[in-house]
Amino acid sequence: MGKVQHISVPSKVLLQKARKIVPPMLEKFHKGQQGRIAVIGGSLDYTGAPYFSAMASARLGCDMSHVICESSAATVIKSYSPNLMVHPILPSSNSVKDPKSIDAPSLASPIISMLSRLHALVIGPGLGRDGVTLQVVKEVMKEARSRSIPFVLDADGLLLVTENPDLVKGYKNCILTPNVNEFSRLAQALKIDVPSLAQISSDDEGDKTSKEAEACEKLSNALGGVTIIQKGPHDVISNGNTSIINDIQGGLKRSGGQGDTLTGSLGTLLGWRAVYHDGLWDSGEQENLKEAQSKEEIQSELESNKRMSPTTSLLLIAWAGSAITRECSRRAFKAKGRSMQASDLTDEVHESFLDLIGEPEGSKVPHL
């Protein structure tokens, strides 16, 4: 781990464990093994969000970062960076003859044909609310779920869950990243009685943290145990069974686009998690043939040299993505103050990763 001094001891333990999921940089690896990620989003009105998400994914270290967007957004997103692979294959009402009568599975087929080449999806940045687009994305989500391809949902991707919770209910391979308003809408849609942020804010710090975790656990359980990152002054990460509070300091500016750094970082971490469980390299951990079920078992895996089960690793990478984003925000705010923008977070992704987690042992990287 790097030089960051403002980290609590429990957070340092989690960061050290997170390093186990990072693939070392080895000469034997070929292109794509360090992560193939696609952001599904980008519409006529919203081109920045998918760019920031895909760039965070690339800057964190995935090998291949794709953007699957609506045709009107493609040229604009391509102009932002030649490093991204941009695919204008996301249909909208403007690109079909009869928006009221479509064959959504057929329209989704070009995107679905890419799934076998991807480790993870990020769904929602700049997606918009076009009816045709949302129907197609539903088909992609269903297919990704049937193939156990992990995905992250944010923004209008969360709207799909609000309208149809069964899209993710019980799927233990996805992460939802709602802000305060999105969390409330999800809770209302699922008829979950949770206190508002204003109500919780009136409590003292201990009670406030406890109630935030309880609310996040309730929503997770209503969705069958999906992992949720409830964004706020501090982030709450829960799978309905175990909750972790992220106490790493962030910046004070809440500029638009910060959540895109989170989703992109999570995309790469999901890709790394996939190759970790595929055994692409020797992590140096003791073999662990048992899936963690209880809080105690998850805690044991996080604190020991045991190889993590998928339940534990998903919770950990959700926390690690939150940690990296908060550190990016802290560093960017320190440098730019109230002028900070989303692009300033993008510039901090790599150094934040190095300072918080660091390269794993065996990586063949230059010492800068």
Protein backbone atom coordinates (compact mmCIF):
# COMPACT_ATOMS: atom_id res chain seq x y z
CA MET A 1 0.00 0.00 0.00
CA GLY A 2 1.15 3.56 -0.69
CA LYS A 3 1.76 6.63 1.40
CA VAL A 4 -1.76 7.67 2.39
CA GLN A 5 -1.87 8.59 6.09
CA HIS A 6 -5.57 9.41 6.60
CA ILE A 7 -6.78 5.79 6.57
CA SER A 8 -8.16 3.90 9.57
CA VAL A 9 -6.66 0.57 10.57
CA PRO A 10 -9.75 -1.46 9.50
CA SER A 11 -9.64 0.25 6.09
CA LYS A 12 -5.94 -0.56 5.72
CA VAL A 13 -6.74 -4.24 6.33
CA LEU A 14 -9.37 -4.17 3.58
CA LEU A 15 -7.03 -2.40 1.17
CA GLN A 16 -4.32 -4.98 1.77
CA LYS A 17 -6.83 -7.73 1.01
CA ALA A 18 -8.02 -5.89 -2.10
CA ARG A 19 -4.49 -6.05 -3.48
CA LYS A 20 -4.91 -9.83 -3.70
CA ILE A 21 -7.51 -9.30 -6.44
CA VAL A 22 -5.21 -7.13 -8.56
CA PRO A 23 -3.52 -9.17 -11.31
CA PRO A 24 0.25 -8.67 -11.31
CA MET A 25 1.83 -7.25 -14.46
CA LEU A 26 3.57 -10.30 -15.94
CA GLU A 27 5.18 -10.87 -19.33
CA LYS A 28 3.18 -14.06 -19.88
CA PHE A 29 -0.20 -12.29 -19.91
CA HIS A 30 -1.72 -11.33 -23.24
CA LYS A 31 -4.01 -8.47 -24.24
CA GLY A 32 -7.38 -8.70 -22.57
CA GLN A 33 -6.46 -10.78 -19.55
CA GLN A 34 -6.28 -7.71 -17.31
CA GLY A 35 -9.92 -6.88 -18.00
CA ARG A 36 -12.32 -6.32 -20.91
CA ILE A 37 -15.02 -3.87 -19.81
CA ALA A 38 -17.93 -2.24 -21.63
CA VAL A 39 -19.93 0.81 -20.58
CA ILE A 40 -23.47 0.74 -21.95
CA GLY A 41 -24.67 4.33 -22.11
CA GLY A 42 -24.32 7.53 -24.06
CA SER A 43 -27.16 9.30 -25.82
CA LEU A 44 -27.71 12.51 -27.75
CA ASP A 45 -27.90 14.63 -24.60
CA TYR A 46 -25.40 12.74 -22.43
CA THR A 47 -21.95 11.99 -23.82
CA GLY A 48 -19.71 12.88 -20.85
CA ALA A 49 -20.88 10.24 -18.39
CA PRO A 50 -19.95 7.14 -20.44
CA TYR A 51 -16.61 8.74 -21.29
CA PHE A 52 -15.74 9.40 -17.63
CA SER A 53 -16.81 5.88 -16.66
CA ALA A 54 -14.85 4.18 -19.46
CA MET A 55 -11.78 6.34 -18.84
CA ALA A 56 -11.80 5.54 -15.12
CA SER A 57 -11.94 1.87 -16.06
CA ALA A 58 -8.99 2.31 -18.42
CA ARG A 59 -6.95 4.46 -16.03
CA LEU A 60 -7.39 1.94 -13.25
CA GLY A 61 -5.83 -0.63 -15.52
CA CYS A 62 -8.18 -2.74 -17.61
CA ASP A 63 -6.75 -3.78 -20.98
CA MET A 64 -9.79 -2.96 -23.10
CA SER A 65 -12.39 -0.29 -22.39
CA HIS A 66 -15.46 -0.18 -24.65
CA VAL A 67 -18.40 2.23 -24.89
CA ILE A 68 -21.65 0.93 -26.38
CA CYS A 69 -23.73 3.99 -27.17
CA GLU A 70 -26.48 5.50 -29.33
CA SER A 71 -25.28 6.46 -32.81
CA SER A 72 -25.71 10.21 -32.26
CA ALA A 73 -23.30 10.07 -29.29
CA ALA A 74 -20.57 7.97 -30.87
CA THR A 75 -18.65 10.61 -32.82
CA VAL A 76 -18.67 12.96 -29.86
CA ILE A 77 -17.38 10.30 -27.45
CA LYS A 78 -14.71 9.21 -29.96
CA SER A 79 -13.51 12.79 -30.13
CA TYR A 80 -12.86 12.80 -26.39
CA SER A 81 -10.24 10.05 -26.56
CA PRO A 82 -8.78 7.67 -29.15
CA ASN A 83 -8.05 5.18 -26.35
CA LEU A 84 -11.68 4.05 -26.05
CA MET A 85 -13.40 1.60 -28.39
CA VAL A 86 -16.75 3.18 -29.23
CA HIS A 87 -19.58 1.13 -30.73
CA PRO A 88 -22.66 3.03 -32.04
CA ILE A 89 -24.96 0.00 -31.74
CA LEU A 90 -27.37 1.04 -28.98
CA PRO A 91 -30.78 1.59 -30.65
CA SER A 92 -33.11 4.49 -29.85
CA SER A 93 -36.43 5.83 -31.09
CA ASN A 94 -34.51 7.86 -33.66
CA SER A 95 -32.86 4.81 -35.20
CA VAL A 96 -35.84 2.47 -35.67
CA LYS A 97 -38.70 2.77 -38.13
CA ASP A 98 -41.56 2.17 -35.71
CA PRO A 99 -40.63 2.86 -32.07
CA LYS A 100 -44.05 1.61 -30.92
CA SER A 101 -43.55 -1.86 -32.37
CA ILE A 102 -40.05 -3.24 -32.00
CA ASP A 103 -38.38 -6.61 -31.62
CA ALA A 104 -36.19 -5.80 -28.60
CA PRO A 105 -34.27 -9.14 -28.56
CA SER A 106 -33.39 -8.67 -32.23
CA LEU A 107 -32.30 -5.08 -31.71
CA ALA A 108 -30.18 -6.19 -28.75
CA SER A 109 -28.41 -8.94 -30.69
CA PRO A 110 -25.36 -6.88 -31.82
CA ILE A 111 -24.66 -6.00 -28.18
CA ILE A 112 -25.37 -9.52 -26.96
CA SER A 113 -22.91 -10.88 -29.52
CA MET A 114 -20.16 -8.94 -27.71
CA LEU A 115 -20.87 -10.39 -24.27
CA SER A 116 -18.70 -13.47 -24.66
CA ARG A 117 -15.69 -11.18 -25.09
CA LEU A 118 -16.31 -9.14 -21.95
CA HIS A 119 -15.56 -9.61 -18.26
CA ALA A 120 -18.04 -7.02 -16.95
CA LEU A 121 -20.59 -4.37 -17.91
CA VAL A 122 -21.31 -0.90 -16.59
CA ILE A 123 -24.91 0.01 -17.38
CA GLY A 124 -26.41 3.47 -17.04
CA PRO A 125 -23.95 6.36 -17.49
CA GLY A 126 -25.58 8.76 -19.94
CA LEU A 127 -28.13 6.13 -20.91
CA GLY A 128 -31.10 8.49 -21.02
CA ARG A 129 -34.74 7.44 -20.87
CA ASP A 130 -35.60 6.69 -24.47
CA GLY A 131 -38.19 3.89 -24.48
CA VAL A 132 -36.56 1.83 -27.24
CA THR A 133 -33.13 2.11 -25.65
CA LEU A 134 -34.39 0.97 -22.26
CA GLN A 135 -36.20 -2.04 -23.74
CA VAL A 136 -33.02 -3.12 -25.50
CA VAL A 137 -30.91 -2.69 -22.36
CA LYS A 138 -33.37 -4.88 -20.44
CA GLU A 139 -32.70 -7.67 -22.96
CA VAL A 140 -28.95 -7.22 -22.55
CA MET A 141 -29.27 -7.39 -18.77
CA LYS A 142 -31.32 -10.58 -18.97
CA GLU A 143 -28.75 -12.20 -21.26
CA ALA A 144 -25.80 -11.04 -19.15
CA ARG A 145 -27.47 -12.47 -16.08
CA SER A 146 -28.11 -15.81 -17.81
CA ARG A 147 -24.38 -15.99 -18.58
CA SER A 148 -23.32 -14.85 -15.08
CA ILE A 149 -21.60 -11.77 -16.48
CA PRO A 150 -21.30 -9.22 -13.67
CA PHE A 151 -22.61 -5.70 -14.11
CA VAL A 152 -22.75 -2.35 -12.32
CA LEU A 153 -25.91 -0.23 -12.44
CA ASP A 154 -26.08 3.53 -12.03
CA ALA A 155 -28.21 6.50 -13.11
CA ASP A 156 -30.92 5.44 -15.59
CA GLY A 157 -29.75 1.84 -15.24
CA LEU A 158 -31.20 2.08 -11.74
CA LEU A 159 -34.45 3.38 -13.22
CA LEU A 160 -34.87 0.02 -14.91
CA VAL A 161 -34.63 -1.68 -11.51
CA THR A 162 -37.15 0.75 -10.03
CA GLU A 163 -39.59 -0.19 -12.80
CA ASN A 164 -38.76 -3.92 -12.82
CA PRO A 165 -36.90 -5.17 -9.71
CA ASP A 166 -36.93 -8.74 -11.04
CA LEU A 167 -34.20 -7.75 -13.50
CA VAL A 168 -31.68 -7.99 -10.66
CA LYS A 169 -33.54 -9.65 -7.80
CA GLY A 170 -31.46 -12.49 -6.42
CA TYR A 171 -28.56 -11.86 -8.83
CA LYS A 172 -25.42 -12.02 -6.70
CA ASN A 173 -23.16 -10.80 -9.50
CA CYS A 174 -24.24 -7.18 -9.73
CA ILE A 175 -23.61 -3.92 -7.88
CA LEU A 176 -26.09 -1.05 -7.57
CA THR A 177 -24.70 2.43 -6.89
CA PRO A 178 -27.62 4.70 -5.90
CA ASN A 179 -27.26 8.23 -4.61
CA VAL A 180 -29.63 9.52 -1.94
CA ASN A 181 -32.53 10.22 -4.32
CA GLU A 182 -32.09 7.00 -6.28
CA PHE A 183 -31.96 5.02 -3.04
CA SER A 184 -35.25 6.55 -1.92
CA ARG A 185 -36.91 5.76 -5.26
CA LEU A 186 -35.76 2.15 -5.09
CA ALA A 187 -37.01 1.84 -1.51
CA GLN A 188 -40.42 3.26 -2.49
CA ALA A 189 -40.68 0.96 -5.50
CA LEU A 190 -39.97 -2.05 -3.29
CA LYS A 191 -42.22 -0.73 -0.47
CA ILE A 192 -39.32 -0.69 1.97
CA ASP A 193 -39.80 1.60 4.95
CA VAL A 194 -36.47 3.32 5.52
CA PRO A 195 -35.77 6.71 7.12
CA SER A 196 -34.84 9.62 4.88
CA LEU A 197 -31.34 11.09 4.92
CA ALA A 198 -32.75 14.18 6.67
CA GLN A 199 -34.17 12.00 9.45
CA ILE A 200 -30.92 10.06 9.83
CA SER A 201 -28.82 13.25 9.83
CA SER A 202 -30.46 14.38 13.07
CA ASP A 203 -28.97 11.40 14.94
CA ASP A 204 -25.55 11.34 16.53
CA GLU A 205 -22.75 9.81 14.46
CA GLY A 206 -22.99 6.28 15.88
CA ASP A 207 -26.76 6.01 15.50
CA LYS A 208 -26.59 7.62 12.06
CA THR A 209 -24.10 5.08 10.74
CA SER A 210 -26.08 2.20 12.19
CA LYS A 211 -29.34 3.40 10.64
CA GLU A 212 -27.70 3.95 7.24
CA ALA A 213 -26.36 0.41 7.28
CA GLU A 214 -29.73 -0.96 8.38
CA ALA A 215 -31.50 0.86 5.53
CA CYS A 216 -28.99 -0.43 2.99
CA GLU A 217 -29.36 -3.98 4.30
CA LYS A 218 -33.16 -3.75 4.03
CA LEU A 219 -32.99 -2.67 0.41
CA SER A 220 -30.42 -5.32 -0.43
CA ASN A 221 -32.52 -8.06 1.13
CA ALA A 222 -35.63 -6.84 -0.71
CA LEU A 223 -33.66 -7.35 -3.91
CA GLY A 224 -32.57 -10.84 -2.91
CA GLY A 225 -29.12 -9.98 -1.59
CA VAL A 226 -27.64 -7.86 -4.37
CA THR A 227 -24.67 -5.70 -3.41
CA ILE A 228 -25.48 -2.01 -2.94
CA ILE A 229 -23.19 0.99 -2.55
CA GLN A 230 -25.29 3.71 -0.96
CA LYS A 231 -23.41 6.88 -1.83
CA GLY A 232 -23.32 9.69 0.70
CA PRO A 233 -21.08 11.64 3.10
CA HIS A 234 -19.62 8.20 3.73
CA ASP A 235 -20.54 5.23 1.55
CA VAL A 236 -22.38 2.19 2.92
CA ILE A 237 -21.70 -1.11 1.16
CA SER A 238 -24.02 -4.02 1.91
CA ASN A 239 -25.11 -7.38 0.51
CA GLY A 240 -27.96 -7.66 3.01
CA ASN A 241 -25.90 -9.91 5.23
CA THR A 242 -22.72 -7.93 5.82
CA SER A 243 -22.27 -4.16 5.69
CA ILE A 244 -19.06 -2.13 5.50
CA ILE A 245 -18.86 1.61 6.05
CA ASN A 246 -16.32 3.44 3.91
CA ASP A 247 -14.73 6.05 6.16
CA ILE A 248 -12.09 7.19 3.67
CA GLN A 249 -12.16 10.96 3.30
CA GLY A 250 -13.55 12.42 0.08
CA GLY A 251 -13.62 15.94 -1.33
CA LEU A 252 -16.19 18.57 -0.38
CA LYS A 253 -17.24 19.38 -3.97
CA ARG A 254 -20.10 17.34 -5.43
CA SER A 255 -19.59 17.98 -9.12
CA GLY A 256 -21.57 16.03 -11.68
CA GLY A 257 -19.82 12.95 -13.00
CA GLN A 258 -18.10 11.75 -9.84
CA GLY A 259 -20.31 8.66 -9.79
CA ASP A 260 -18.97 7.76 -13.23
CA THR A 261 -15.48 7.38 -11.79
CA LEU A 262 -17.00 4.94 -9.31
CA THR A 263 -18.79 2.84 -11.94
CA GLY A 264 -15.76 2.69 -14.21
CA SER A 265 -13.48 1.68 -11.35
CA LEU A 266 -15.96 -1.01 -10.33
CA GLY A 267 -15.99 -2.30 -13.91
CA THR A 268 -12.26 -2.92 -13.88
CA LEU A 269 -12.37 -4.38 -10.37
CA LEU A 270 -15.10 -6.80 -11.52
CA GLY A 271 -12.87 -7.80 -14.43
CA TRP A 272 -9.95 -8.41 -12.09
CA ARG A 273 -12.22 -10.35 -9.77
CA ALA A 274 -13.21 -12.63 -12.67
CA VAL A 275 -9.62 -13.56 -13.48
CA TYR A 276 -8.81 -13.88 -9.76
CA HIS A 277 -11.46 -16.59 -9.45
CA ASP A 278 -10.33 -18.15 -12.73
CA GLY A 279 -6.88 -18.62 -11.14
CA LEU A 280 -4.99 -16.62 -13.77
CA TRP A 281 -2.11 -16.23 -11.30
CA ASP A 282 -1.12 -17.48 -7.85
CA SER A 283 -2.41 -14.98 -5.30
CA GLY A 284 -0.38 -16.59 -2.53
CA GLU A 285 -3.50 -17.31 -0.45
CA GLN A 286 -4.53 -20.54 1.20
CA GLU A 287 -7.09 -22.54 -0.73
CA ASN A 288 -10.66 -22.04 0.43
CA LEU A 289 -13.26 -24.42 -0.98
CA LYS A 290 -16.18 -23.08 1.05
CA GLU A 291 -18.51 -20.23 0.03
CA ALA A 292 -18.81 -17.69 2.83
CA GLN A 293 -22.37 -17.60 4.18
CA SER A 294 -22.31 -15.72 7.47
CA LYS A 295 -20.93 -12.36 8.57
CA GLU A 296 -18.33 -14.20 10.60
CA GLU A 297 -17.16 -16.26 7.61
CA ILE A 298 -16.92 -13.17 5.40
CA GLN A 299 -15.00 -11.33 8.11
CA SER A 300 -12.64 -14.28 8.48
CA GLU A 301 -11.87 -14.26 4.75
CA LEU A 302 -11.27 -10.50 4.78
CA GLU A 303 -8.87 -10.65 7.71
CA SER A 304 -6.96 -13.83 6.89
CA ASN A 305 -4.76 -15.19 4.12
CA LYS A 306 -7.61 -17.40 2.91
CA ARG A 307 -8.59 -17.25 -0.74
CA MET A 308 -11.85 -15.31 -0.97
CA SER A 309 -15.12 -16.86 -2.06
CA PRO A 310 -17.18 -14.94 -4.67
CA THR A 311 -19.50 -13.49 -2.01
CA THR A 312 -16.62 -11.97 -0.08
CA SER A 313 -14.71 -10.76 -3.14
CA LEU A 314 -17.75 -8.93 -4.53
CA LEU A 315 -18.30 -7.09 -1.25
CA LEU A 316 -14.60 -6.23 -1.10
CA ILE A 317 -14.30 -4.86 -4.63
CA ALA A 318 -17.46 -2.79 -4.10
CA TRP A 319 -15.75 -1.26 -1.06
CA ALA A 320 -12.45 -0.85 -2.94
CA GLY A 321 -14.16 0.96 -5.83
CA SER A 322 -15.76 3.31 -3.34
CA ALA A 323 -12.40 3.85 -1.65
CA ILE A 324 -10.58 4.70 -4.88
CA THR A 325 -13.32 7.14 -5.92
CA ARG A 326 -13.33 8.90 -2.56
CA GLU A 327 -9.55 9.22 -2.67
CA CYS A 328 -9.77 10.63 -6.22
CA SER A 329 -12.30 13.17 -4.97
CA ARG A 330 -10.11 14.13 -1.99
CA ARG A 331 -7.02 14.60 -4.15
CA ALA A 332 -8.86 16.50 -6.89
CA PHE A 333 -10.56 18.80 -4.38
CA LYS A 334 -7.24 19.47 -2.66
CA ALA A 335 -5.79 20.54 -6.01
CA LYS A 336 -8.75 22.41 -7.51
CA GLY A 337 -11.07 23.38 -4.66
CA ARG A 338 -14.53 24.55 -5.72
CA SER A 339 -13.48 24.56 -9.39
CA MET A 340 -13.10 20.75 -9.34
CA GLN A 341 -14.75 18.89 -12.22
CA ALA A 342 -15.29 15.21 -13.09
CA SER A 343 -12.25 15.19 -15.38
CA ASP A 344 -10.09 16.10 -12.39
CA LEU A 345 -11.08 12.81 -10.74
CA THR A 346 -10.15 10.92 -13.92
CA ASP A 347 -6.63 12.31 -13.66
CA GLU A 348 -6.31 10.99 -10.10
CA VAL A 349 -7.40 7.37 -10.64
CA HIS A 350 -3.99 5.78 -11.12
CA GLU A 351 -2.21 7.58 -8.28
CA SER A 352 -5.15 6.93 -5.95
CA PHE A 353 -4.93 3.22 -6.77
CA LEU A 354 -1.18 3.18 -6.15
CA ASP A 355 -1.44 5.04 -2.84
CA LEU A 356 -4.37 3.05 -1.49
CA ILE A 357 -3.80 -0.47 -2.84
CA GLY A 358 -0.53 -0.56 -4.75
CA GLU A 359 0.93 -3.03 -7.19
CA PRO A 360 0.87 -6.66 -6.08
CA GLU A 361 4.08 -8.58 -5.51
CA GLY A 362 5.61 -9.86 -8.72
CA SER A 363 4.41 -7.03 -10.95
CA LYS A 364 6.96 -6.10 -13.60
CA VAL A 365 6.42 -2.35 -13.51
CA PRO A 366 8.99 0.46 -13.40
CA HIS A 367 9.58 2.15 -10.06
CA LEU A 368 8.76 5.80 -10.67
